[in-house]
């Protein structure tokens, strides 16, 4: 696999973590939802892993 793909995936994961922490803090402050950050991190990580699995299967076909 190409190194640029791994750099892109790791950058995307970092951006998703940043969004989850920022938006989770917003939800906790304004809506008093204590587990917002954890819930968003779990959802974003599941989406990222599914995307990674899809890309690996796609690359294996080539």
Protein backbone atom coordinates (compact mmCIF):
# COMPACT_ATOMS: atom_id res chain seq x y z
CA UNK A 1 0.00 0.00 0.00
CA UNK A 2 1.05 3.51 -0.68
CA UNK A 3 2.52 5.59 2.14
CA UNK A 4 0.38 8.55 1.12
CA UNK A 5 -2.74 6.50 1.76
CA UNK A 6 -1.61 5.71 5.31
CA UNK A 7 -0.74 9.37 5.90
CA UNK A 8 -4.19 10.35 4.64
CA UNK A 9 -5.94 7.80 6.85
CA UNK A 10 -4.02 8.84 9.95
CA UNK A 11 -4.71 12.51 9.22
CA UNK A 12 -8.39 11.73 8.80
CA UNK A 13 -8.43 9.88 12.12
CA UNK A 14 -6.80 12.85 13.82
CA UNK A 15 -9.38 15.22 12.36
CA UNK A 16 -12.23 12.94 13.46
CA UNK A 17 -10.85 12.80 17.00
CA UNK A 18 -10.56 16.60 17.07
CA UNK A 19 -14.15 17.00 15.86
CA UNK A 20 -15.42 14.45 18.40
CA UNK A 21 -13.67 16.14 21.31
CA UNK A 22 -14.71 19.65 20.27
CA UNK A 23 -18.34 18.77 19.51
CA UNK A 24 -18.55 16.53 22.58
CA UNK A 25 -17.46 19.42 24.78
CA UNK A 26 -20.09 21.61 23.11
CA UNK A 27 -22.82 19.03 23.77
CA UNK A 28 -21.73 18.62 27.37
CA UNK A 29 -21.70 22.35 28.01
CA UNK A 30 -24.97 23.23 26.30
CA UNK A 31 -27.07 20.07 26.65
CA UNK A 32 -25.47 18.48 29.74
CA UNK A 33 -24.75 15.22 27.90
CA UNK A 34 -21.86 13.77 29.89
CA UNK A 35 -20.89 10.93 27.55
CA UNK A 36 -21.03 12.90 24.30
CA UNK A 37 -17.30 12.82 23.62
CA UNK A 38 -17.01 9.09 24.26
CA UNK A 39 -20.03 8.33 22.10
CA UNK A 40 -18.72 10.43 19.22
CA UNK A 41 -15.25 8.89 19.48
CA UNK A 42 -16.73 5.38 19.32
CA UNK A 43 -18.93 6.22 16.33
CA UNK A 44 -16.15 7.97 14.41
CA UNK A 45 -13.67 5.17 15.15
CA UNK A 46 -16.16 2.55 13.94
CA UNK A 47 -16.68 4.52 10.72
CA UNK A 48 -12.90 4.85 10.26
CA UNK A 49 -12.34 1.11 10.81
CA UNK A 50 -15.10 0.20 8.34
CA UNK A 51 -13.54 2.54 5.80
CA UNK A 52 -10.14 0.92 6.38
CA UNK A 53 -11.60 -2.58 5.93
CA UNK A 54 -13.31 -1.49 2.71
CA UNK A 55 -10.08 0.00 1.34
CA UNK A 56 -8.02 -3.09 2.23
CA UNK A 57 -10.52 -5.37 0.50
CA UNK A 58 -10.44 -3.09 -2.53
CA UNK A 59 -6.63 -3.16 -2.64
CA UNK A 60 -6.53 -6.95 -2.29
CA UNK A 61 -8.54 -7.33 -5.49
CA UNK A 62 -5.85 -5.52 -7.49
